[in-house]
């Protein structure tokens, strides 16, 4: 099983965050997954504000209850009639 450690890539070097692996000076094969893109703080704040506004709009929607989920799904997925088919 592979063990994961959190790190930040800075100037083409990994800077470990928190627990660090115990490594010798020999080369070690690693797999790196980039989980975040380069986003400046102003852009991040704007994205957060947009997400918050969308969540507020969802929260303000009137409550709807689905009595029969299977019937609701059939209604939502009903295909239109295709031409020249009976």
Protein backbone atom coordinates (compact mmCIF):
# COMPACT_ATOMS: atom_id res chain seq x y z
CA UNK A 1 0.00 0.00 0.00
CA UNK A 2 1.29 3.47 -0.86
CA UNK A 3 1.65 6.03 1.91
CA UNK A 4 0.71 9.65 1.18
CA UNK A 5 2.40 12.74 2.58
CA UNK A 6 1.32 16.33 2.06
CA UNK A 7 3.82 18.64 0.36
CA UNK A 8 4.00 21.89 -1.58
CA UNK A 9 5.92 22.12 -4.85
CA UNK A 10 8.08 25.24 -4.73
CA UNK A 11 10.86 26.04 -7.22
CA UNK A 12 10.79 22.43 -8.49
CA UNK A 13 11.35 21.05 -4.96
CA UNK A 14 8.87 19.41 -2.62
CA UNK A 15 8.46 21.16 0.73
CA UNK A 16 6.86 18.75 3.20
CA UNK A 17 3.83 19.92 5.19
CA UNK A 18 3.21 18.11 8.47
CA UNK A 19 4.48 14.54 8.76
CA UNK A 20 7.50 13.86 6.58
CA UNK A 21 8.57 10.52 5.13
CA UNK A 22 11.72 8.97 6.59
CA UNK A 23 13.94 8.77 3.52
CA UNK A 24 17.59 8.03 2.92
CA UNK A 25 19.67 10.13 0.56
CA UNK A 26 19.08 7.59 -2.23
CA UNK A 27 16.67 8.59 -5.01
CA UNK A 28 13.03 7.65 -4.33
CA UNK A 29 10.25 7.24 -6.87
CA UNK A 30 7.25 9.42 -6.01
CA UNK A 31 3.83 10.14 -7.52
CA UNK A 32 2.59 13.72 -7.30
CA UNK A 33 -1.05 14.73 -7.68
CA UNK A 34 -1.69 18.43 -8.15
CA UNK A 35 -4.84 19.19 -6.16
CA UNK A 36 -4.98 22.95 -6.58
CA UNK A 37 -4.28 25.30 -9.42
CA UNK A 38 -2.64 28.66 -9.20
CA UNK A 39 -5.39 31.01 -8.04
CA UNK A 40 -4.75 34.41 -6.53
CA UNK A 41 -6.57 35.49 -3.37
CA UNK A 42 -8.86 38.01 -5.12
CA UNK A 43 -10.01 35.37 -7.63
CA UNK A 44 -10.56 32.87 -4.81
CA UNK A 45 -12.65 35.39 -2.85
CA UNK A 46 -14.75 36.10 -5.96
CA UNK A 47 -15.36 32.38 -6.56
CA UNK A 48 -16.32 31.91 -2.92
CA UNK A 49 -18.77 34.83 -3.08
CA UNK A 50 -20.39 33.37 -6.22
CA UNK A 51 -20.75 29.96 -4.60
CA UNK A 52 -22.25 31.51 -1.47
CA UNK A 53 -24.76 33.49 -3.56
CA UNK A 54 -25.79 30.33 -5.43
CA UNK A 55 -26.27 28.45 -2.15
CA UNK A 56 -28.39 31.29 -0.77
CA UNK A 57 -30.60 31.16 -3.88
CA UNK A 58 -31.03 27.40 -3.46
CA UNK A 59 -31.92 27.84 0.21
CA UNK A 60 -34.61 30.39 -0.71
CA UNK A 61 -36.40 28.05 -3.13
CA UNK A 62 -39.77 26.81 -1.91
CA UNK A 63 -39.71 23.34 -0.40
CA UNK A 64 -40.98 20.62 -2.64
CA UNK A 65 -41.65 17.07 -1.67
CA UNK A 66 -41.61 14.10 -3.98
CA UNK A 67 -44.30 11.66 -2.89
CA UNK A 68 -43.39 8.88 -5.30
CA UNK A 69 -39.70 9.04 -6.36
CA UNK A 70 -40.08 6.33 -9.02
CA UNK A 71 -42.98 8.11 -10.72
CA UNK A 72 -41.07 11.41 -10.53
CA UNK A 73 -38.02 9.83 -12.17
CA UNK A 74 -40.12 8.28 -14.95
CA UNK A 75 -41.71 11.68 -15.59
CA UNK A 76 -38.33 13.42 -15.70
CA UNK A 77 -36.80 10.82 -18.00
CA UNK A 78 -39.74 10.45 -20.38
CA UNK A 79 -38.43 10.54 -23.92
CA UNK A 80 -40.07 12.54 -26.63
CA UNK A 81 -41.72 10.71 -29.46
CA UNK A 82 -39.35 10.02 -32.31
CA UNK A 83 -40.48 10.82 -35.85
CA UNK A 84 -41.72 7.91 -37.96
CA UNK A 85 -41.95 5.59 -34.95
CA UNK A 86 -45.11 4.30 -33.40
